[in-house]
N, C-alpha and C. Protein backbone atom coordinates (compact mmCIF):
# COMPACT_ATOMS: atom_id res chain seq x y z
N TYR A 1 1.05 -1.12 -0.20
CA TYR A 1 -0.24 -0.20 -0.21
C TYR A 1 0.78 1.34 -0.23
N THR A 2 0.89 1.72 -1.33
CA THR A 2 1.17 2.94 -1.00
C THR A 2 1.10 3.85 0.08
N ASP A 3 0.20 4.60 0.45
CA ASP A 3 0.09 5.19 1.15
C ASP A 3 0.07 4.85 3.07
N CYS A 4 0.99 3.70 3.16
CA CYS A 4 1.22 2.71 4.69
C CYS A 4 2.95 3.18 4.63
N SER A 5 3.18 3.27 5.50
CA SER A 5 4.59 3.25 6.02
C SER A 5 5.57 2.50 7.20
N LEU A 6 4.06 1.97 7.59
CA LEU A 6 4.48 0.79 8.90
C LEU A 6 5.83 -0.32 8.20
N ALA A 7 6.30 -0.51 9.37
CA ALA A 7 7.31 -1.99 8.38
C ALA A 7 7.04 -2.98 9.99
N PHE A 8 7.35 -4.04 9.81
CA PHE A 8 7.00 -5.09 10.14
C PHE A 8 7.98 -6.43 10.49
N THR A 9 8.52 -6.95 11.84
CA THR A 9 9.31 -7.68 11.92
C THR A 9 9.03 -9.46 11.30
N SER A 10 7.55 -9.32 11.59
CA SER A 10 7.54 -10.92 10.12
C SER A 10 6.33 -10.56 9.49
N GLU A 11 6.33 -11.39 8.38
CA GLU A 11 5.05 -11.74 7.66
C GLU A 11 3.49 -11.60 8.44
N GLU A 12 3.58 -12.86 9.55
CA GLU A 12 2.37 -12.41 9.86
C GLU A 12 1.73 -11.17 10.32
N ASN A 13 2.76 -11.33 10.90
CA ASN A 13 1.87 -9.25 11.55
C ASN A 13 2.03 -8.71 9.69
N MET A 14 2.96 -8.19 9.23
CA MET A 14 2.36 -7.75 7.94
C MET A 14 0.57 -7.81 7.28
N LYS A 15 0.38 -9.26 7.52
CA LYS A 15 -0.66 -9.89 6.60
C LYS A 15 -1.66 -9.17 7.90
N GLU A 16 -1.65 -9.31 8.63
CA GLU A 16 -2.29 -8.65 9.52
C GLU A 16 -2.72 -7.86 9.34
N HIS A 17 -1.85 -6.80 9.25
CA HIS A 17 -1.45 -5.52 9.29
C HIS A 17 -2.22 -4.91 7.93
N GLU A 18 -2.30 -5.66 6.86
CA GLU A 18 -2.48 -5.81 5.72
C GLU A 18 -4.51 -5.61 5.41
N SER A 19 -5.04 -6.09 6.41
CA SER A 19 -6.79 -6.98 6.31
C SER A 19 -6.79 -4.96 6.49
N VAL A 20 -6.23 -4.23 7.50
CA VAL A 20 -7.66 -3.26 7.53
C VAL A 20 -7.53 -2.28 6.78
N HIS A 21 -6.41 -2.32 5.33
CA HIS A 21 -5.70 -1.66 3.96
C HIS A 21 -7.26 -1.93 3.65
N GLY A 22 -8.33 -1.24 3.03
CA GLY A 22 -9.59 -0.67 1.86
C GLY A 22 -10.38 -1.81 2.87
N THR A 23 -10.86 -2.08 3.14
CA THR A 23 -12.06 -2.90 4.51
C THR A 23 -12.71 -1.61 5.01
N GLU A 24 -13.99 -2.32 5.43
CA GLU A 24 -14.97 -1.87 6.11
C GLU A 24 -14.72 -2.39 7.11
N LEU A 25 -15.88 -1.90 8.25
CA LEU A 25 -15.65 -1.67 9.82
C LEU A 25 -16.38 -2.20 10.08
N VAL A 26 -16.26 -4.33 10.23
CA VAL A 26 -17.51 -5.31 9.93
C VAL A 26 -17.85 -6.10 11.02
N LEU A 27 -16.82 -5.78 11.83
CA LEU A 27 -16.56 -6.47 13.18
C LEU A 27 -17.58 -5.85 14.23
N ILE A 28 -19.01 -5.93 15.04
CA ILE A 28 -19.12 -5.15 15.14
C ILE A 28 -19.45 -6.01 16.83
N CYS A 29 -19.26 -5.05 17.71
CA CYS A 29 -19.18 -5.42 19.69
C CYS A 29 -20.35 -5.36 19.76
N GLY A 30 -20.54 -6.22 20.05
CA GLY A 30 -21.84 -7.63 20.99
C GLY A 30 -22.89 -7.30 22.37
N PHE A 31 -21.79 -5.99 22.82
CA PHE A 31 -22.42 -5.90 24.10
C PHE A 31 -22.92 -5.14 24.34
N PRO A 32 -23.81 -4.58 25.48
CA PRO A 32 -25.02 -3.85 25.66
C PRO A 32 -25.03 -2.56 25.08
N ASP A 33 -25.70 -1.55 24.44
CA ASP A 33 -24.99 -0.02 24.67
C ASP A 33 -23.70 -0.20 23.40
N CYS A 34 -23.06 -0.68 23.34
CA CYS A 34 -21.74 -0.54 22.33
C CYS A 34 -22.38 -0.72 21.49
N THR A 35 -21.95 0.34 20.64
CA THR A 35 -21.81 1.02 19.07
C THR A 35 -20.41 0.31 18.72
N LYS A 36 -19.71 0.19 18.77
CA LYS A 36 -18.10 0.37 18.37
C LYS A 36 -17.65 -1.23 17.07
N ALA A 37 -17.12 -1.23 16.15
CA ALA A 37 -16.44 -2.06 14.35
C ALA A 37 -15.60 -1.70 14.46
N PHE A 38 -15.45 -2.83 14.09
CA PHE A 38 -13.76 -3.13 13.91
C PHE A 38 -13.89 -3.79 12.59
N LYS A 39 -12.53 -3.35 12.35
CA LYS A 39 -11.93 -4.69 10.70
C LYS A 39 -11.40 -6.01 11.20
N THR A 40 -10.85 -5.88 12.34
CA THR A 40 -9.79 -7.37 12.19
C THR A 40 -10.44 -8.02 13.68
N ALA A 41 -10.18 -9.03 13.74
CA ALA A 41 -10.71 -9.68 14.29
C ALA A 41 -10.12 -9.52 15.92
N ARG A 42 -9.01 -9.14 16.04
CA ARG A 42 -7.22 -8.57 17.55
C ARG A 42 -8.26 -7.67 17.48
N SER A 43 -8.54 -6.67 17.35
CA SER A 43 -8.37 -5.50 17.11
C SER A 43 -10.08 -5.54 18.51
N LEU A 44 -11.36 -6.76 17.52
CA LEU A 44 -12.12 -6.41 18.65
C LEU A 44 -12.14 -7.67 19.67
N HIS A 45 -10.88 -8.26 19.38
CA HIS A 45 -10.80 -9.01 21.15
C HIS A 45 -10.45 -8.21 22.37
N VAL A 46 -9.28 -7.52 21.56
CA VAL A 46 -8.90 -5.83 22.36
C VAL A 46 -9.86 -5.33 22.72
N HIS A 47 -10.87 -4.96 22.37
CA HIS A 47 -12.26 -4.21 22.51
C HIS A 47 -12.66 -4.45 24.10
N TYR A 48 -12.81 -5.99 23.46
CA TYR A 48 -13.88 -6.89 24.33
C TYR A 48 -13.05 -7.62 26.07
N ARG A 49 -12.32 -6.56 25.83
CA ARG A 49 -11.50 -6.84 27.56
C ARG A 49 -11.81 -5.24 28.20
N SER A 50 -11.99 -4.42 27.31
CA SER A 50 -12.98 -2.92 28.59
C SER A 50 -14.22 -3.58 28.52
N HIS A 51 -14.84 -4.11 28.22
CA HIS A 51 -16.07 -4.70 28.83
C HIS A 51 -16.16 -5.99 30.28
N THR A 52 -14.71 -6.36 29.48
CA THR A 52 -14.70 -7.95 30.36
C THR A 52 -14.56 -7.45 32.03
N GLY A 53 -13.16 -6.17 31.50
CA GLY A 53 -12.06 -6.32 33.33
C GLY A 53 -10.49 -6.67 32.62
N VAL A 54 -11.16 -7.82 31.83
CA VAL A 54 -9.44 -9.18 31.92
C VAL A 54 -8.43 -7.86 31.02
N HIS A 55 -6.95 -7.44 32.36
CA HIS A 55 -5.96 -7.00 31.51
C HIS A 55 -4.80 -8.32 31.70
N PRO A 56 -4.75 -8.29 30.84
CA PRO A 56 -3.31 -10.31 31.21
C PRO A 56 -2.19 -8.91 30.37
N PHE A 57 -1.53 -8.23 30.39
CA PHE A 57 -1.14 -7.61 30.38
C PHE A 57 -0.38 -6.43 31.97
N LEU A 58 0.67 -7.40 31.37
CA LEU A 58 0.48 -7.12 33.51
C LEU A 58 2.02 -6.15 33.75
N CYS A 59 2.40 -5.72 34.80
CA CYS A 59 3.44 -4.29 35.24
C CYS A 59 4.06 -5.34 35.97
N THR A 60 5.55 -5.45 36.46
CA THR A 60 6.37 -5.82 36.23
C THR A 60 7.07 -5.70 37.02
N GLN A 61 7.17 -4.24 36.97
CA GLN A 61 8.07 -3.00 37.80
C GLN A 61 7.58 -3.74 40.06
N PRO A 62 8.40 -4.05 40.56
CA PRO A 62 7.99 -3.91 41.97
C PRO A 62 6.97 -3.49 42.39
N GLY A 63 6.71 -3.90 43.51
CA GLY A 63 4.91 -2.99 44.28
C GLY A 63 4.28 -2.85 43.05
N CYS A 64 3.75 -2.29 41.90
CA CYS A 64 4.04 -1.70 40.71
C CYS A 64 2.34 -3.57 40.78
N GLU A 65 0.94 -3.81 40.63
CA GLU A 65 0.61 -4.70 40.64
C GLU A 65 -0.74 -4.17 39.37
N LYS A 66 -0.54 -3.46 38.34
CA LYS A 66 -1.51 -2.88 37.30
C LYS A 66 -1.51 -3.63 36.07
N GLY A 67 -2.46 -3.67 35.47
CA GLY A 67 -3.41 -4.64 34.62
C GLY A 67 -3.94 -4.34 33.06
N PHE A 68 -2.76 -4.51 32.31
CA PHE A 68 -3.56 -3.66 30.90
C PHE A 68 -4.35 -4.60 29.69
N LYS A 69 -4.92 -3.67 29.10
CA LYS A 69 -5.69 -5.11 28.49
C LYS A 69 -4.83 -4.74 26.51
N ASP A 70 -3.63 -4.65 26.28
CA ASP A 70 -3.03 -4.47 25.56
C ASP A 70 -1.40 -3.70 25.79
N SER A 71 -0.88 -4.93 25.01
CA SER A 71 0.89 -4.63 25.40
C SER A 71 1.49 -2.47 24.81
N LYS A 72 0.58 -2.01 24.27
CA LYS A 72 0.34 -0.50 23.52
C LYS A 72 0.62 0.14 25.45
N GLU A 73 -0.52 -0.41 25.68
CA GLU A 73 -1.17 0.79 26.94
C GLU A 73 -0.56 0.01 28.01
N LEU A 74 0.63 -0.95 28.69
CA LEU A 74 1.13 -1.48 29.32
C LEU A 74 2.43 -0.77 28.42
N SER A 75 2.91 -0.81 27.59
CA SER A 75 4.35 0.47 26.83
C SER A 75 4.62 1.54 27.80
N LYS A 76 2.78 2.31 27.50
CA LYS A 76 2.51 3.85 28.12
C LYS A 76 2.70 3.95 29.16
N HIS A 77 2.24 3.21 30.45
CA HIS A 77 2.46 2.92 31.26
C HIS A 77 3.72 2.96 31.76
N LYS A 78 4.98 1.47 31.15
CA LYS A 78 6.41 2.23 32.48
C LYS A 78 7.06 2.84 31.67
N SER A 79 6.99 3.78 30.92
CA SER A 79 7.71 4.72 30.13
C SER A 79 7.81 5.72 31.73
N ARG A 80 6.19 5.07 32.47
CA ARG A 80 6.31 6.04 33.66
C ARG A 80 6.84 6.00 34.53
N HIS A 81 7.42 4.73 35.17
CA HIS A 81 8.18 4.29 36.11
C HIS A 81 9.43 4.21 35.63
N ILE A 82 9.53 4.70 34.39
CA ILE A 82 11.35 5.16 34.41
C ILE A 82 11.71 6.18 33.20
N GLY A 83 10.46 7.15 34.05
CA GLY A 83 9.94 8.57 33.92
C GLY A 83 10.96 9.30 32.28
N ASP A 84 10.42 8.56 31.62
CA ASP A 84 10.65 9.01 30.16
C ASP A 84 9.31 10.18 30.05
N LYS A 85 9.70 11.07 30.09
CA LYS A 85 8.95 12.14 29.09
C LYS A 85 9.73 12.77 27.99
N SER A 86 9.86 11.90 26.89
CA SER A 86 10.29 12.67 25.65
C SER A 86 9.84 13.38 24.53
N HIS A 87 8.03 13.03 25.50
CA HIS A 87 6.92 13.80 24.63
C HIS A 87 7.29 15.22 24.50
N LYS A 88 8.48 16.10 24.27
CA LYS A 88 8.98 17.23 24.60
C LYS A 88 7.09 18.49 24.16
N CYS A 89 7.29 19.43 24.32
CA CYS A 89 6.54 21.43 23.80
C CYS A 89 7.32 21.51 23.02
N ASP A 90 7.07 21.19 22.22
CA ASP A 90 7.68 22.59 21.09
C ASP A 90 7.22 23.72 20.86
N TYR A 91 6.17 24.43 22.16
CA TYR A 91 6.34 25.86 21.62
C TYR A 91 7.19 27.36 22.59
N GLU A 92 7.11 27.71 22.02
CA GLU A 92 8.61 29.29 22.10
C GLU A 92 8.21 29.30 23.57
N GLY A 93 9.45 29.38 24.44
CA GLY A 93 9.33 29.24 25.75
C GLY A 93 8.82 28.52 27.16
N CYS A 94 8.93 26.92 26.44
CA CYS A 94 7.43 26.25 26.83
C CYS A 94 8.22 25.09 27.38
N ARG A 95 9.17 24.60 28.13
CA ARG A 95 9.99 23.10 28.18
C ARG A 95 8.94 22.44 28.99
N LYS A 96 8.03 21.62 28.28
CA LYS A 96 7.35 21.36 29.76
C LYS A 96 7.83 19.79 28.06
N ALA A 97 7.48 18.42 29.45
CA ALA A 97 7.68 17.46 28.48
C ALA A 97 6.19 16.58 29.24
N PHE A 98 6.73 14.90 28.64
CA PHE A 98 5.02 14.66 28.51
C PHE A 98 5.45 13.27 28.34
N PHE A 99 5.08 11.96 28.80
CA PHE A 99 5.48 10.59 28.70
C PHE A 99 4.35 10.08 27.69
N THR A 100 3.32 10.84 27.75
CA THR A 100 2.91 10.24 26.40
C THR A 100 1.97 11.36 25.08
N VAL A 101 1.76 11.02 24.22
CA VAL A 101 1.72 12.27 22.88
C VAL A 101 0.26 12.66 23.43
N SER A 102 -0.77 11.42 23.41
CA SER A 102 -2.08 12.51 24.13
C SER A 102 -1.94 13.35 25.82
N GLU A 103 -1.22 12.94 26.76
CA GLU A 103 -1.30 14.20 26.52
C GLU A 103 -0.22 15.51 27.02
N LEU A 104 0.46 15.50 25.81
CA LEU A 104 1.13 16.29 24.85
C LEU A 104 0.16 17.63 24.24
N ASN A 105 -0.44 16.75 23.93
CA ASN A 105 -2.11 17.49 22.85
C ASN A 105 -2.50 18.54 23.85
N SER A 106 -3.19 17.65 24.64
CA SER A 106 -3.77 18.15 25.70
C SER A 106 -2.78 19.81 26.41
N HIS A 107 -1.25 19.19 26.69
CA HIS A 107 -1.25 20.84 27.15
C HIS A 107 -1.03 21.38 26.06
N LYS A 108 -1.13 21.61 24.49
CA LYS A 108 -0.72 22.33 23.95
C LYS A 108 -1.64 23.23 23.83
N TYR A 109 -3.33 21.93 23.52
CA TYR A 109 -4.12 23.38 23.81
C TYR A 109 -4.73 24.93 25.30
N ILE A 110 -3.48 24.38 25.97
CA ILE A 110 -3.44 26.14 27.03
C ILE A 110 -2.76 26.94 26.14
N HIS A 111 -1.53 26.79 24.74
CA HIS A 111 -1.02 26.59 24.63
C HIS A 111 -2.09 27.79 23.75
N MET A 112 -3.26 27.24 23.20
CA MET A 112 -3.26 27.88 21.95
C MET A 112 -4.75 28.55 22.88
N LYS A 113 -4.92 28.19 24.02
CA LYS A 113 -5.55 29.12 24.51
C LYS A 113 -5.63 30.49 25.43
N SER A 114 -3.93 30.75 25.27
CA SER A 114 -3.85 31.75 25.82
C SER A 114 -2.60 32.61 25.00
N ASP A 115 -3.02 32.59 23.66
CA ASP A 115 -2.00 33.68 22.55
C ASP A 115 -2.08 34.76 22.43
N SER A 116 -3.10 35.14 23.13
CA SER A 116 -3.26 36.06 24.10
C SER A 116 -2.05 37.40 24.01
N LEU A 117 -1.56 36.47 24.72
CA LEU A 117 0.11 36.95 25.63
C LEU A 117 1.16 37.39 24.09
N CYS A 118 1.03 38.36 23.95
CA CYS A 118 1.69 38.95 23.06
C CYS A 118 3.21 40.36 23.84
N CYS A 119 3.76 40.77 21.95
CA CYS A 119 4.17 41.44 23.41
C CYS A 119 4.02 42.93 22.57
N ASP A 120 4.15 43.80 23.41
CA ASP A 120 3.64 45.20 22.50
C ASP A 120 3.82 46.04 22.19
N VAL A 121 5.28 44.92 21.67
CA VAL A 121 6.48 45.91 21.05
C VAL A 121 6.53 45.47 19.92
N CYS A 122 6.63 44.35 19.67
CA CYS A 122 6.53 43.45 18.32
C CYS A 122 5.50 42.49 17.78
N GLY A 123 5.02 41.80 18.67
CA GLY A 123 3.93 41.18 18.51
C GLY A 123 4.32 39.71 18.55
N LYS A 124 4.42 39.95 18.80
CA LYS A 124 5.39 37.95 19.29
C LYS A 124 4.91 37.78 20.39
N GLN A 125 3.81 36.53 19.97
CA GLN A 125 2.75 35.17 21.26
C GLN A 125 3.57 34.70 22.06
N TYR A 126 3.02 34.78 23.40
CA TYR A 126 4.01 33.01 24.21
C TYR A 126 2.22 32.55 24.83
N GLY A 127 3.03 32.07 24.86
CA GLY A 127 2.06 30.32 25.36
C GLY A 127 2.26 30.75 27.16
N ASN A 128 2.90 31.31 28.23
CA ASN A 128 2.52 32.25 29.41
C ASN A 128 3.33 33.00 29.97
N GLU A 129 3.26 33.26 30.69
CA GLU A 129 3.33 34.25 31.46
C GLU A 129 5.16 34.49 31.71
N LYS A 130 5.63 33.16 31.98
CA LYS A 130 7.38 33.44 32.16
C LYS A 130 7.81 33.95 30.80
N GLY A 131 6.86 33.28 29.17
CA GLY A 131 8.04 32.92 28.09
C GLY A 131 7.74 34.47 27.07
N LEU A 132 6.47 35.36 27.75
CA LEU A 132 6.27 37.22 27.52
C LEU A 132 7.26 37.86 28.80
N THR A 133 7.90 37.79 29.64
CA THR A 133 8.07 38.20 30.46
C THR A 133 9.77 37.94 30.01
N ARG A 134 10.84 37.28 30.32
CA ARG A 134 11.82 36.86 30.01
C ARG A 134 12.04 37.14 28.00
N HIS A 135 11.31 36.93 27.32
CA HIS A 135 11.59 37.97 25.97
C HIS A 135 11.28 39.86 26.28
N LYS A 136 10.45 40.15 27.25
CA LYS A 136 10.60 41.55 26.96
C LYS A 136 11.99 41.18 27.74
N ARG A 137 12.77 41.24 28.19
CA ARG A 137 13.85 41.41 28.77
C ARG A 137 14.61 41.87 28.31
């Protein structure tokens, strides 16, 4: 598929992924009041875990007893144990970093709301008072 740049470590994983290209959402969740639909049986199976409470992916960090419905969620959780805040805000004057892209995107909304902080001399905008004050010096 020309518009897909994903790479896989096995042919089996690649074949499974190929099934999401060009297919409709045909697998419908059967739980009451749930209208979610999926392209692959695997995606539907992982989704079922949100209804059943089954969390087979367990954190191995000593003292942590959390479980997750898939390996992706477990990986995000593990980054918190090691303090991996690799998702950095690129907004001028902001030095915050986050564990997940989702947290970073939520944070960026703060900057969008506060774009009214601008220099009265040159018009440059800042996401926080600290950045604007530093600029004015």
